[in-house]
Each structure stands twice: as C-alpha cells, then as structure tokens.
N, C-alpha and C. Protein backbone atom coordinates (compact mmCIF):
# COMPACT_ATOMS: atom_id res chain seq x y z
N MET A 1 -18.33 4.64 36.42
CA MET A 1 -17.61 4.74 35.16
C MET A 1 -17.75 3.45 34.36
N GLN A 2 -17.70 2.31 35.06
CA GLN A 2 -17.76 1.04 34.36
C GLN A 2 -19.11 0.85 33.67
N LYS A 3 -20.19 1.30 34.28
CA LYS A 3 -21.51 1.20 33.67
C LYS A 3 -21.55 2.01 32.37
N ASN A 4 -20.96 3.20 32.36
CA ASN A 4 -20.91 4.05 31.18
C ASN A 4 -20.12 3.36 30.06
N GLN A 5 -18.99 2.74 30.40
CA GLN A 5 -18.19 2.03 29.40
C GLN A 5 -18.97 0.86 28.82
N SER A 6 -19.71 0.15 29.66
CA SER A 6 -20.51 -0.98 29.19
C SER A 6 -21.60 -0.49 28.25
N ASN A 7 -22.23 0.64 28.56
CA ASN A 7 -23.27 1.21 27.73
C ASN A 7 -22.72 1.60 26.36
N ILE A 8 -21.54 2.21 26.33
CA ILE A 8 -20.91 2.60 25.08
C ILE A 8 -20.58 1.37 24.25
N ALA A 9 -20.05 0.34 24.88
CA ALA A 9 -19.67 -0.88 24.17
C ALA A 9 -20.88 -1.60 23.59
N SER A 10 -22.04 -1.47 24.22
CA SER A 10 -23.22 -2.21 23.76
C SER A 10 -23.92 -1.51 22.59
N LYS A 11 -23.56 -0.28 22.28
CA LYS A 11 -24.19 0.42 21.17
C LYS A 11 -23.70 -0.15 19.85
N SER A 12 -24.62 -0.32 18.94
CA SER A 12 -24.23 -0.83 17.63
C SER A 12 -23.49 0.26 16.85
N LYS A 13 -22.80 -0.15 15.84
CA LYS A 13 -22.11 0.81 14.98
C LYS A 13 -23.11 1.76 14.35
N GLN A 14 -24.29 1.27 14.00
CA GLN A 14 -25.33 2.12 13.42
C GLN A 14 -25.81 3.16 14.43
N GLN A 15 -25.97 2.76 15.69
CA GLN A 15 -26.37 3.71 16.73
C GLN A 15 -25.30 4.77 16.92
N GLN A 16 -24.05 4.34 16.93
CA GLN A 16 -22.95 5.29 17.09
C GLN A 16 -22.92 6.27 15.92
N TRP A 17 -23.12 5.77 14.71
CA TRP A 17 -23.14 6.63 13.53
C TRP A 17 -24.30 7.62 13.62
N SER A 18 -25.47 7.14 14.00
CA SER A 18 -26.64 8.01 14.13
C SER A 18 -26.40 9.11 15.16
N GLU A 19 -25.78 8.76 16.27
CA GLU A 19 -25.48 9.76 17.29
C GLU A 19 -24.47 10.79 16.77
N PHE A 20 -23.49 10.34 16.00
CA PHE A 20 -22.52 11.25 15.41
C PHE A 20 -23.22 12.21 14.44
N VAL A 21 -24.08 11.68 13.59
CA VAL A 21 -24.79 12.53 12.61
C VAL A 21 -25.65 13.56 13.35
N GLU A 22 -26.32 13.15 14.40
CA GLU A 22 -27.14 14.09 15.17
C GLU A 22 -26.27 15.15 15.83
N LEU A 23 -25.13 14.76 16.38
CA LEU A 23 -24.21 15.73 16.98
C LEU A 23 -23.70 16.71 15.93
N LEU A 24 -23.39 16.21 14.74
CA LEU A 24 -22.94 17.06 13.65
C LEU A 24 -24.03 18.04 13.23
N ARG A 25 -25.27 17.55 13.13
CA ARG A 25 -26.39 18.45 12.80
C ARG A 25 -26.49 19.58 13.81
N GLN A 26 -26.40 19.21 15.08
CA GLN A 26 -26.52 20.22 16.13
C GLN A 26 -25.35 21.20 16.08
N ALA A 27 -24.16 20.71 15.77
CA ALA A 27 -23.00 21.59 15.66
C ALA A 27 -23.22 22.62 14.56
N PHE A 28 -23.81 22.22 13.43
CA PHE A 28 -24.10 23.16 12.35
C PHE A 28 -25.15 24.18 12.77
N VAL A 29 -26.17 23.72 13.48
CA VAL A 29 -27.21 24.63 13.96
C VAL A 29 -26.59 25.68 14.89
N ASP A 30 -25.66 25.25 15.73
CA ASP A 30 -25.06 26.13 16.72
C ASP A 30 -23.83 26.87 16.21
N GLY A 31 -23.44 26.64 14.94
CA GLY A 31 -22.27 27.31 14.39
C GLY A 31 -20.95 26.79 14.94
N ARG A 32 -20.92 25.54 15.36
CA ARG A 32 -19.71 24.95 15.95
C ARG A 32 -19.17 23.77 15.14
N GLU A 33 -19.56 23.70 13.86
CA GLU A 33 -19.15 22.56 13.04
C GLU A 33 -17.64 22.46 12.87
N GLU A 34 -16.97 23.59 12.67
CA GLU A 34 -15.52 23.53 12.48
C GLU A 34 -14.82 23.07 13.76
N GLN A 35 -15.27 23.56 14.90
CA GLN A 35 -14.67 23.13 16.17
C GLN A 35 -14.87 21.64 16.39
N LEU A 36 -16.08 21.16 16.14
CA LEU A 36 -16.37 19.74 16.34
C LEU A 36 -15.53 18.87 15.41
N LEU A 37 -15.48 19.23 14.14
CA LEU A 37 -14.73 18.40 13.19
C LEU A 37 -13.23 18.47 13.47
N THR A 38 -12.73 19.60 13.93
CA THR A 38 -11.32 19.71 14.30
C THR A 38 -11.02 18.82 15.50
N LEU A 39 -11.97 18.77 16.43
CA LEU A 39 -11.82 17.91 17.60
C LEU A 39 -11.79 16.44 17.22
N LEU A 40 -12.67 16.05 16.32
CA LEU A 40 -12.86 14.63 16.01
C LEU A 40 -11.91 14.08 14.95
N LEU A 41 -11.40 14.92 14.07
CA LEU A 41 -10.60 14.44 12.94
C LEU A 41 -9.17 14.93 13.04
N THR A 42 -8.25 14.06 12.69
CA THR A 42 -6.85 14.47 12.60
C THR A 42 -6.66 15.32 11.34
N ALA A 43 -5.53 15.98 11.24
CA ALA A 43 -5.24 16.78 10.04
C ALA A 43 -5.27 15.90 8.80
N ASP A 44 -4.73 14.69 8.88
CA ASP A 44 -4.74 13.77 7.74
C ASP A 44 -6.16 13.37 7.34
N GLU A 45 -7.01 13.14 8.33
CA GLU A 45 -8.40 12.79 8.03
C GLU A 45 -9.13 13.96 7.39
N ARG A 46 -8.87 15.17 7.86
CA ARG A 46 -9.48 16.34 7.23
C ARG A 46 -9.01 16.49 5.79
N ASP A 47 -7.73 16.24 5.55
CA ASP A 47 -7.20 16.27 4.18
C ASP A 47 -7.87 15.22 3.31
N ALA A 48 -8.10 14.03 3.88
CA ALA A 48 -8.74 12.95 3.13
C ALA A 48 -10.17 13.34 2.74
N PHE A 49 -10.88 14.00 3.64
CA PHE A 49 -12.23 14.48 3.29
C PHE A 49 -12.17 15.48 2.15
N GLY A 50 -11.21 16.38 2.22
CA GLY A 50 -11.06 17.36 1.14
C GLY A 50 -10.81 16.69 -0.19
N LEU A 51 -9.96 15.66 -0.19
CA LEU A 51 -9.68 14.91 -1.41
C LEU A 51 -10.94 14.24 -1.93
N ARG A 52 -11.70 13.62 -1.03
CA ARG A 52 -12.93 12.94 -1.45
C ARG A 52 -13.94 13.91 -2.05
N VAL A 53 -14.04 15.09 -1.46
CA VAL A 53 -14.95 16.10 -2.02
C VAL A 53 -14.50 16.47 -3.43
N ASN A 54 -13.20 16.65 -3.61
CA ASN A 54 -12.68 16.98 -4.95
C ASN A 54 -12.91 15.85 -5.94
N ILE A 55 -12.74 14.62 -5.51
CA ILE A 55 -12.98 13.47 -6.38
C ILE A 55 -14.44 13.44 -6.83
N ILE A 56 -15.35 13.59 -5.87
CA ILE A 56 -16.78 13.57 -6.20
C ILE A 56 -17.11 14.71 -7.16
N HIS A 57 -16.58 15.88 -6.88
CA HIS A 57 -16.83 17.03 -7.77
C HIS A 57 -16.36 16.73 -9.19
N GLU A 58 -15.16 16.20 -9.32
CA GLU A 58 -14.61 15.89 -10.65
C GLU A 58 -15.41 14.80 -11.34
N LEU A 59 -15.80 13.77 -10.60
CA LEU A 59 -16.59 12.70 -11.21
C LEU A 59 -17.94 13.20 -11.68
N LEU A 60 -18.58 14.03 -10.87
CA LEU A 60 -19.89 14.56 -11.24
C LEU A 60 -19.82 15.52 -12.43
N SER A 61 -18.72 16.26 -12.54
CA SER A 61 -18.61 17.21 -13.64
C SER A 61 -18.42 16.51 -14.99
N LYS A 62 -17.90 15.29 -14.96
CA LYS A 62 -17.71 14.46 -16.15
C LYS A 62 -16.84 15.14 -17.22
N ASN A 63 -15.95 16.04 -16.78
CA ASN A 63 -15.04 16.70 -17.71
C ASN A 63 -13.75 15.93 -17.94
N LEU A 64 -13.41 15.05 -16.99
CA LEU A 64 -12.16 14.30 -17.07
C LEU A 64 -12.42 12.81 -16.92
N SER A 65 -11.54 12.02 -17.49
CA SER A 65 -11.63 10.57 -17.27
C SER A 65 -11.15 10.27 -15.85
N GLN A 66 -11.45 9.07 -15.39
CA GLN A 66 -10.99 8.68 -14.05
C GLN A 66 -9.46 8.74 -13.96
N ARG A 67 -8.79 8.34 -15.02
CA ARG A 67 -7.32 8.39 -15.02
C ARG A 67 -6.83 9.83 -14.93
N GLU A 68 -7.50 10.74 -15.64
CA GLU A 68 -7.10 12.15 -15.58
C GLU A 68 -7.37 12.74 -14.19
N ILE A 69 -8.47 12.33 -13.57
CA ILE A 69 -8.76 12.77 -12.20
C ILE A 69 -7.68 12.26 -11.26
N GLN A 70 -7.32 11.00 -11.42
CA GLN A 70 -6.28 10.40 -10.60
C GLN A 70 -4.98 11.20 -10.71
N GLN A 71 -4.60 11.56 -11.91
CA GLN A 71 -3.37 12.31 -12.11
C GLN A 71 -3.50 13.74 -11.57
N LYS A 72 -4.62 14.37 -11.84
CA LYS A 72 -4.83 15.75 -11.40
C LYS A 72 -4.79 15.86 -9.87
N LEU A 73 -5.40 14.89 -9.19
CA LEU A 73 -5.49 14.94 -7.74
C LEU A 73 -4.40 14.14 -7.04
N ASN A 74 -3.53 13.53 -7.83
CA ASN A 74 -2.39 12.77 -7.30
C ASN A 74 -2.84 11.73 -6.26
N THR A 75 -3.74 10.87 -6.70
CA THR A 75 -4.26 9.83 -5.83
C THR A 75 -4.29 8.51 -6.58
N SER A 76 -4.73 7.46 -5.92
CA SER A 76 -4.73 6.14 -6.55
C SER A 76 -5.98 5.90 -7.39
N ALA A 77 -5.84 4.98 -8.32
CA ALA A 77 -6.99 4.58 -9.14
C ALA A 77 -8.07 3.97 -8.26
N ALA A 78 -7.67 3.23 -7.24
CA ALA A 78 -8.65 2.60 -6.34
C ALA A 78 -9.50 3.64 -5.62
N THR A 79 -8.90 4.74 -5.24
CA THR A 79 -9.63 5.81 -4.55
C THR A 79 -10.67 6.42 -5.47
N ILE A 80 -10.29 6.64 -6.73
CA ILE A 80 -11.22 7.20 -7.71
C ILE A 80 -12.35 6.19 -7.98
N THR A 81 -12.00 4.93 -8.12
CA THR A 81 -12.99 3.89 -8.38
C THR A 81 -13.99 3.77 -7.23
N ARG A 82 -13.50 3.84 -5.99
CA ARG A 82 -14.40 3.79 -4.83
C ARG A 82 -15.40 4.94 -4.88
N GLY A 83 -14.91 6.13 -5.19
CA GLY A 83 -15.81 7.28 -5.30
C GLY A 83 -16.84 7.08 -6.39
N SER A 84 -16.39 6.58 -7.53
CA SER A 84 -17.28 6.33 -8.65
C SER A 84 -18.33 5.29 -8.30
N ASN A 85 -17.91 4.22 -7.65
CA ASN A 85 -18.85 3.16 -7.26
C ASN A 85 -19.86 3.65 -6.24
N MET A 86 -19.45 4.49 -5.30
CA MET A 86 -20.38 5.03 -4.31
C MET A 86 -21.39 5.95 -4.98
N LEU A 87 -20.95 6.74 -5.94
CA LEU A 87 -21.89 7.62 -6.65
C LEU A 87 -22.99 6.81 -7.34
N LYS A 88 -22.64 5.64 -7.84
CA LYS A 88 -23.62 4.79 -8.52
C LYS A 88 -24.70 4.28 -7.58
N THR A 89 -24.44 4.29 -6.27
CA THR A 89 -25.41 3.78 -5.30
C THR A 89 -26.33 4.88 -4.78
N MET A 90 -26.05 6.12 -5.13
CA MET A 90 -26.81 7.25 -4.60
C MET A 90 -28.04 7.54 -5.45
N PRO A 91 -29.13 7.96 -4.80
CA PRO A 91 -30.34 8.33 -5.55
C PRO A 91 -30.08 9.56 -6.43
N ASP A 92 -30.78 9.61 -7.55
CA ASP A 92 -30.62 10.74 -8.48
C ASP A 92 -30.88 12.08 -7.82
N GLU A 93 -31.88 12.16 -6.96
CA GLU A 93 -32.18 13.44 -6.32
C GLU A 93 -31.01 13.93 -5.47
N PHE A 94 -30.31 13.01 -4.84
CA PHE A 94 -29.13 13.39 -4.05
C PHE A 94 -28.01 13.87 -4.96
N LEU A 95 -27.81 13.18 -6.07
CA LEU A 95 -26.78 13.59 -7.03
C LEU A 95 -27.07 14.98 -7.59
N GLN A 96 -28.35 15.26 -7.84
CA GLN A 96 -28.73 16.60 -8.31
C GLN A 96 -28.44 17.65 -7.25
N TRP A 97 -28.71 17.32 -6.01
CA TRP A 97 -28.39 18.22 -4.90
C TRP A 97 -26.89 18.49 -4.86
N LEU A 98 -26.10 17.44 -4.99
CA LEU A 98 -24.64 17.60 -4.98
C LEU A 98 -24.18 18.51 -6.11
N LEU A 99 -24.76 18.34 -7.27
CA LEU A 99 -24.38 19.17 -8.41
C LEU A 99 -24.67 20.65 -8.17
N ARG A 100 -25.69 20.93 -7.39
CA ARG A 100 -26.04 22.33 -7.10
C ARG A 100 -25.13 22.94 -6.03
N HIS A 101 -24.40 22.10 -5.31
CA HIS A 101 -23.55 22.59 -4.22
C HIS A 101 -22.14 22.26 -4.54
C-alpha cells in the first residue's frame, strides 16, 4: 500500500489532470459519465459547473453586459470576469465549437 501512495504522490498535477481527462473520455465512451461525475463531484461542485456553463453561454451570446449576466445568474462580478478572461485565452476554433453546442 505504501508503494502505491508514494507513486500517487510523485505524479505531477499535469499527470493527474491527464489521467482524469482520459478517465472522463472513457466514461463517455462507456456511457458512465454521469455516474463518474456524481462520484467525483459534490452537489455544490456540480452546481458550480452548471453556473460556469451558463456564464460561458451568456458571454458568448453577447446579448447581455457582464453586469446583467451577474444579476441574471446571481453571482459575483469576479466570477463573470474570470469566465470572460478565460474565453479570451481560447482559440477561435474552440469558441466556434462552443457556439454550436
């Protein structure tokens, strides 16, 4: 058991993230994405993801100002700003993909 714990501790955060992404991919292939995400995320974390998806959708639609989005979604200005700043770092092709989904 101690060897396994040492192996886990020695993995970089990037390796851990990559393994999570691969596990998530496989869960979608196998139709187990909801079970996996329910296992890994608390109810509050799942709610936070839902909020972030809504923020991104509103920012991409460009129908409302950031302040209006903040009021509509009952969240902080900092949360909206973080979403906006992250969108600015994404490639255009990814943003176009998001707009289609």
